[in-house]
C-alpha cells in the first residue's frame, strides 16, 4: 500500500513538474511577444523621427 502511494505521489510530482515547465515556457513566450511588440513600436518611432529629420533638411 505504501509503495502504491509513493508511486502515485512520485507520478504527481513529475506531472506537476511538467506542468510547471510548460507554464514557465508559456510565460517566457508571452514576455518575448511583449518585447517584440515594444521593439516594433520603437522601430516605428525611429522611422518617424528619421522622416521628420529628412523633411526638415
PDB file of N, CA and C in Angstrom:
ATOM      1  N   UNK A   1       0.826  -1.194   0.000  1.00  0.00           N
ATOM      2  CA  UNK A   1       0.000   0.000   0.000  1.00  0.00           C
ATOM      3  C   UNK A   1       0.866   1.251   0.000  1.00  0.00           C
ATOM      4  N   UNK A   2       1.915   1.231   0.825  1.00  0.00           N
ATOM      5  CA  UNK A   2       2.799   2.388   0.912  1.00  0.00           C
ATOM      6  C   UNK A   2       3.532   2.608  -0.414  1.00  0.00           C
ATOM      7  N   UNK A   3       3.907   1.510  -1.085  1.00  0.00           N
ATOM      8  CA  UNK A   3       4.601   1.632  -2.375  1.00  0.00           C
ATOM      9  C   UNK A   3       3.679   2.241  -3.429  1.00  0.00           C
ATOM     10  N   UNK A   4       2.432   1.827  -3.423  1.00  0.00           N
ATOM     11  CA  UNK A   4       1.459   2.378  -4.382  1.00  0.00           C
ATOM     12  C   UNK A   4       1.290   3.872  -4.132  1.00  0.00           C
ATOM     13  N   UNK A   5       1.174   4.240  -2.871  1.00  0.00           N
ATOM     14  CA  UNK A   5       1.013   5.650  -2.511  1.00  0.00           C
ATOM     15  C   UNK A   5       2.247   6.450  -2.931  1.00  0.00           C
ATOM     16  N   UNK A   6       3.444   5.883  -2.686  1.00  0.00           N
ATOM     17  CA  UNK A   6       4.681   6.573  -3.057  1.00  0.00           C
ATOM     18  C   UNK A   6       4.754   6.755  -4.572  1.00  0.00           C
ATOM     19  N   UNK A   7       4.409   5.713  -5.321  1.00  0.00           N
ATOM     20  CA  UNK A   7       4.432   5.812  -6.785  1.00  0.00           C
ATOM     21  C   UNK A   7       3.447   6.877  -7.250  1.00  0.00           C
ATOM     22  N   UNK A   8       2.263   6.911  -6.651  1.00  0.00           N
ATOM     23  CA  UNK A   8       1.262   7.908  -7.010  1.00  0.00           C
ATOM     24  C   UNK A   8       1.816   9.315  -6.778  1.00  0.00           C
ATOM     25  N   UNK A   9       2.418   9.537  -5.621  1.00  0.00           N
ATOM     26  CA  UNK A   9       2.973  10.860  -5.319  1.00  0.00           C
ATOM     27  C   UNK A   9       4.142  11.206  -6.243  1.00  0.00           C
ATOM     28  N   UNK A  10       4.976  10.206  -6.564  1.00  0.00           N
ATOM     29  CA  UNK A  10       6.084  10.443  -7.499  1.00  0.00           C
ATOM     30  C   UNK A  10       5.544  10.846  -8.876  1.00  0.00           C
ATOM     31  N   UNK A  11       4.508  10.114  -9.325  1.00  0.00           N
ATOM     32  CA  UNK A  11       3.903  10.431 -10.624  1.00  0.00           C
ATOM     33  C   UNK A  11       3.293  11.834 -10.612  1.00  0.00           C
ATOM     34  N   UNK A  12       2.629  12.181  -9.521  1.00  0.00           N
ATOM     35  CA  UNK A  12       2.018  13.501  -9.412  1.00  0.00           C
ATOM     36  C   UNK A  12       3.098  14.582  -9.427  1.00  0.00           C
ATOM     37  N   UNK A  13       4.199  14.320  -8.741  1.00  0.00           N
ATOM     38  CA  UNK A  13       5.294  15.285  -8.704  1.00  0.00           C
ATOM     39  C   UNK A  13       5.852  15.488 -10.108  1.00  0.00           C
ATOM     40  N   UNK A  14       6.005  14.393 -10.863  1.00  0.00           N
ATOM     41  CA  UNK A  14       6.508  14.501 -12.235  1.00  0.00           C
ATOM     42  C   UNK A  14       5.531  15.299 -13.096  1.00  0.00           C
ATOM     43  N   UNK A  15       4.234  15.034 -12.927  1.00  0.00           N
ATOM     44  CA  UNK A  15       3.215  15.751 -13.688  1.00  0.00           C
ATOM     45  C   UNK A  15       3.241  17.233 -13.338  1.00  0.00           C
ATOM     46  N   UNK A  16       3.326  17.533 -12.053  1.00  0.00           N
ATOM     47  CA  UNK A  16       3.387  18.931 -11.624  1.00  0.00           C
ATOM     48  C   UNK A  16       4.633  19.615 -12.184  1.00  0.00           C
ATOM     49  N   UNK A  17       5.741  18.901 -12.207  1.00  0.00           N
ATOM     50  CA  UNK A  17       6.983  19.473 -12.735  1.00  0.00           C
ATOM     51  C   UNK A  17       6.829  19.775 -14.221  1.00  0.00           C
ATOM     52  N   UNK A  18       6.192  18.859 -14.967  1.00  0.00           N
ATOM     53  CA  UNK A  18       5.967  19.088 -16.397  1.00  0.00           C
ATOM     54  C   UNK A  18       5.058  20.298 -16.605  1.00  0.00           C
ATOM     55  N   UNK A  19       3.989  20.366 -15.828  1.00  0.00           N
ATOM     56  CA  UNK A  19       3.063  21.489 -15.956  1.00  0.00           C
ATOM     57  C   UNK A  19       3.747  22.805 -15.619  1.00  0.00           C
ATOM     58  N   UNK A  20       4.584  22.777 -14.591  1.00  0.00           N
ATOM     59  CA  UNK A  20       5.307  23.983 -14.200  1.00  0.00           C
ATOM     60  C   UNK A  20       6.277  24.410 -15.308  1.00  0.00           C
ATOM     61  N   UNK A  21       6.947  23.439 -15.921  1.00  0.00           N
ATOM     62  CA  UNK A  21       7.860  23.753 -17.030  1.00  0.00           C
ATOM     63  C   UNK A  21       7.086  24.354 -18.197  1.00  0.00           C
ATOM     64  N   UNK A  22       5.909  23.788 -18.497  1.00  0.00           N
ATOM     65  CA  UNK A  22       5.075  24.336 -19.569  1.00  0.00           C
ATOM     66  C   UNK A  22       4.646  25.763 -19.233  1.00  0.00           C
ATOM     67  N   UNK A  23       4.290  25.978 -17.975  1.00  0.00           N
ATOM     68  CA  UNK A  23       3.882  27.315 -17.530  1.00  0.00           C
ATOM     69  C   UNK A  23       5.035  28.311 -17.688  1.00  0.00           C
ATOM     70  N   UNK A  24       6.244  27.898 -17.250  1.00  0.00           N
ATOM     71  CA  UNK A  24       7.404  28.783 -17.372  1.00  0.00           C
ATOM     72  C   UNK A  24       7.683  29.103 -18.839  1.00  0.00           C
ATOM     73  N   UNK A  25       7.576  28.090 -19.697  1.00  0.00           N
ATOM     74  CA  UNK A  25       7.820  28.283 -21.124  1.00  0.00           C
ATOM     75  C   UNK A  25       6.796  29.254 -21.709  1.00  0.00           C
ATOM     76  N   UNK A  26       5.541  29.104 -21.311  1.00  0.00           N
ATOM     77  CA  UNK A  26       4.482  29.990 -21.807  1.00  0.00           C
ATOM     78  C   UNK A  26       4.723  31.428 -21.350  1.00  0.00           C
ATOM     79  N   UNK A  27       5.132  31.590 -20.093  1.00  0.00           N
ATOM     80  CA  UNK A  27       5.408  32.930 -19.578  1.00  0.00           C
ATOM     81  C   UNK A  27       6.575  33.560 -20.340  1.00  0.00           C
ATOM     82  N   UNK A  28       7.581  32.746 -20.652  1.00  0.00           N
ATOM     83  CA  UNK A  28       8.728  33.228 -21.412  1.00  0.00           C
ATOM     84  C   UNK A  28       8.286  33.693 -22.801  1.00  0.00           C
ATOM     85  N   UNK A  29       7.430  32.885 -23.441  1.00  0.00           N
ATOM     86  CA  UNK A  29       6.936  33.229 -24.774  1.00  0.00           C
ATOM     87  C   UNK A  29       6.113  34.514 -24.725  1.00  0.00           C
ATOM     88  N   UNK A  30       5.255  34.636 -23.729  1.00  0.00           N
ATOM     89  CA  UNK A  30       4.439  35.846 -23.586  1.00  0.00           C
ATOM     90  C   UNK A  30       5.334  37.067 -23.406  1.00  0.00           C
ATOM     91  N   UNK A  31       6.380  36.904 -22.609  1.00  0.00           N
ATOM     92  CA  UNK A  31       7.307  38.008 -22.354  1.00  0.00           C
ATOM     93  C   UNK A  31       8.033  38.402 -23.650  1.00  0.00           C
ATOM     94  N   UNK A  32       8.453  37.388 -24.412  1.00  0.00           N
ATOM     95  CA  UNK A  32       9.146  37.666 -25.668  1.00  0.00           C
ATOM     96  C   UNK A  32       8.215  38.354 -26.669  1.00  0.00           C
ATOM     97  N   UNK A  33       6.947  37.948 -26.694  1.00  0.00           N
ATOM     98  CA  UNK A  33       5.975  38.599 -27.582  1.00  0.00           C
ATOM     99  C   UNK A  33       5.810  40.061 -27.194  1.00  0.00           C
ATOM    100  N   UNK A  34       5.773  40.321 -25.906  1.00  0.00           N
ATOM    101  CA  UNK A  34       5.628  41.695 -25.418  1.00  0.00           C
ATOM    102  C   UNK A  34       6.842  42.536 -25.825  1.00  0.00           C
ATOM    103  N   UNK A  35       8.030  41.967 -25.661  1.00  0.00           N
ATOM    104  CA  UNK A  35       9.255  42.674 -26.031  1.00  0.00           C
ATOM    105  C   UNK A  35       9.271  42.942 -27.540  1.00  0.00           C
ATOM    106  N   UNK A  36       8.859  41.950 -28.315  1.00  0.00           N
ATOM    107  CA  UNK A  36       8.839  42.104 -29.770  1.00  0.00           C
ATOM    108  C   UNK A  36       7.891  43.235 -30.171  1.00  0.00           C
ATOM    109  N   UNK A  37       6.740  43.286 -29.514  1.00  0.00           N
ATOM    110  CA  UNK A  37       5.767  44.343 -29.800  1.00  0.00           C
ATOM    111  C   UNK A  37       6.359  45.717 -29.452  1.00  0.00           C
ATOM    112  N   UNK A  38       7.026  45.816 -28.312  1.00  0.00           N
ATOM    113  CA  UNK A  38       7.649  47.074 -27.908  1.00  0.00           C
ATOM    114  C   UNK A  38       8.742  47.482 -28.890  1.00  0.00           C
ATOM    115  N   UNK A  39       9.506  46.516 -29.371  1.00  0.00           N
ATOM    116  CA  UNK A  39      10.558  46.817 -30.346  1.00  0.00           C
ATOM    117  C   UNK A  39       9.969  47.362 -31.642  1.00  0.00           C
ATOM    118  N   UNK A  40       8.836  46.799 -32.072  1.00  0.00           N
ATOM    119  CA  UNK A  40       8.182  47.294 -33.281  1.00  0.00           C
ATOM    120  C   UNK A  40       7.747  48.744 -33.090  1.00  0.00           C
ATOM    121  N   UNK A  41       7.219  49.054 -31.908  1.00  0.00           N
ATOM    122  CA  UNK A  41       6.799  50.425 -31.627  1.00  0.00           C
ATOM    123  C   UNK A  41       8.000  51.368 -31.649  1.00  0.00           C
ATOM    124  N   UNK A  42       9.108  50.933 -31.087  1.00  0.00           N
ATOM    125  CA  UNK A  42      10.327  51.751 -31.078  1.00  0.00           C
ATOM    126  C   UNK A  42      10.822  51.956 -32.510  1.00  0.00           C
ATOM    127  N   UNK A  43      10.772  50.885 -33.300  1.00  0.00           N
ATOM    128  CA  UNK A  43      11.186  50.976 -34.699  1.00  0.00           C
ATOM    129  C   UNK A  43      10.348  52.010 -35.448  1.00  0.00           C
ATOM    130  N   UNK A  44       9.034  51.981 -35.224  1.00  0.00           N
ATOM    131  CA  UNK A  44       8.143  52.950 -35.865  1.00  0.00           C
ATOM    132  C   UNK A  44       8.499  54.370 -35.440  1.00  0.00           C
ATOM    133  N   UNK A  45       8.792  54.546 -34.164  1.00  0.00           N
ATOM    134  CA  UNK A  45       9.164  55.865 -33.660  1.00  0.00           C
ATOM    135  C   UNK A  45      10.450  56.355 -34.322  1.00  0.00           C
ATOM    136  N   UNK A  46      11.421  55.477 -34.437  1.00  0.00           N
ATOM    137  CA  UNK A  46      12.696  55.842 -35.059  1.00  0.00           C
ATOM    138  C   UNK A  46      12.470  56.227 -36.521  1.00  0.00           C
ATOM    139  N   UNK A  47      11.653  55.447 -37.217  1.00  0.00           N
ATOM    140  CA  UNK A  47      11.379  55.748 -38.622  1.00  0.00           C
ATOM    141  C   UNK A  47      10.697  57.102 -38.767  1.00  0.00           C
ATOM    142  N   UNK A  48       9.749  57.398 -37.893  1.00  0.00           N
ATOM    143  CA  UNK A  48       9.062  58.681 -37.999  1.00  0.00           C
ATOM    144  C   UNK A  48      10.012  59.837 -37.680  1.00  0.00           C
ATOM    145  N   UNK A  49      10.918  59.629 -36.736  1.00  0.00           N
ATOM    146  CA  UNK A  49      11.912  60.658 -36.416  1.00  0.00           C
ATOM    147  C   UNK A  49      12.839  60.866 -37.612  1.00  0.00           C
ATOM    148  N   UNK A  50      13.251  59.774 -38.241  1.00  0.00           N
ATOM    149  CA  UNK A  50      14.114  59.888 -39.419  1.00  0.00           C
ATOM    150  C   UNK A  50      13.400  60.642 -40.527  1.00  0.00           C
ATOM    151  N   UNK A  51      12.127  60.360 -40.743  1.00  0.00           N
ATOM    152  CA  UNK A  51      11.362  61.055 -41.768  1.00  0.00           C
ATOM    153  C   UNK A  51      11.251  62.541 -41.437  1.00  0.00           C
ATOM    154  N   UNK A  52      11.045  62.834 -40.162  1.00  0.00           N
ATOM    155  CA  UNK A  52      10.962  64.232 -39.742  1.00  0.00           C
ATOM    156  C   UNK A  52      12.293  64.951 -40.017  1.00  0.00           C
ATOM    157  N   UNK A  53      13.396  64.253 -39.755  1.00  0.00           N
ATOM    158  CA  UNK A  53      14.720  64.863 -39.967  1.00  0.00           C
ATOM    159  C   UNK A  53      14.942  65.115 -41.467  1.00  0.00           C
ATOM    160  N   UNK A  54      14.510  64.182 -42.299  1.00  0.00           N
ATOM    161  CA  UNK A  54      14.647  64.350 -43.754  1.00  0.00           C
ATOM    162  C   UNK A  54      13.787  65.533 -44.210  1.00  0.00           C
ATOM    163  N   UNK A  55      12.581  65.637 -43.693  1.00  0.00           N
ATOM    164  CA  UNK A  55      11.673  66.717 -44.062  1.00  0.00           C
ATOM    165  C   UNK A  55      12.236  68.082 -43.661  1.00  0.00           C
ATOM    166  N   UNK A  56      12.936  68.122 -42.536  1.00  0.00           N
ATOM    167  CA  UNK A  56      13.474  69.405 -42.060  1.00  0.00           C
ATOM    168  C   UNK A  56      14.686  69.867 -42.854  1.00  0.00           C
ATOM    169  N   UNK A  57      15.350  68.942 -43.547  1.00  0.00           N
ATOM    170  CA  UNK A  57      16.547  69.299 -44.321  1.00  0.00           C
ATOM    171  C   UNK A  57      16.128  70.012 -45.526  1.00  0.00           C
TER     172      UNK A  57
END
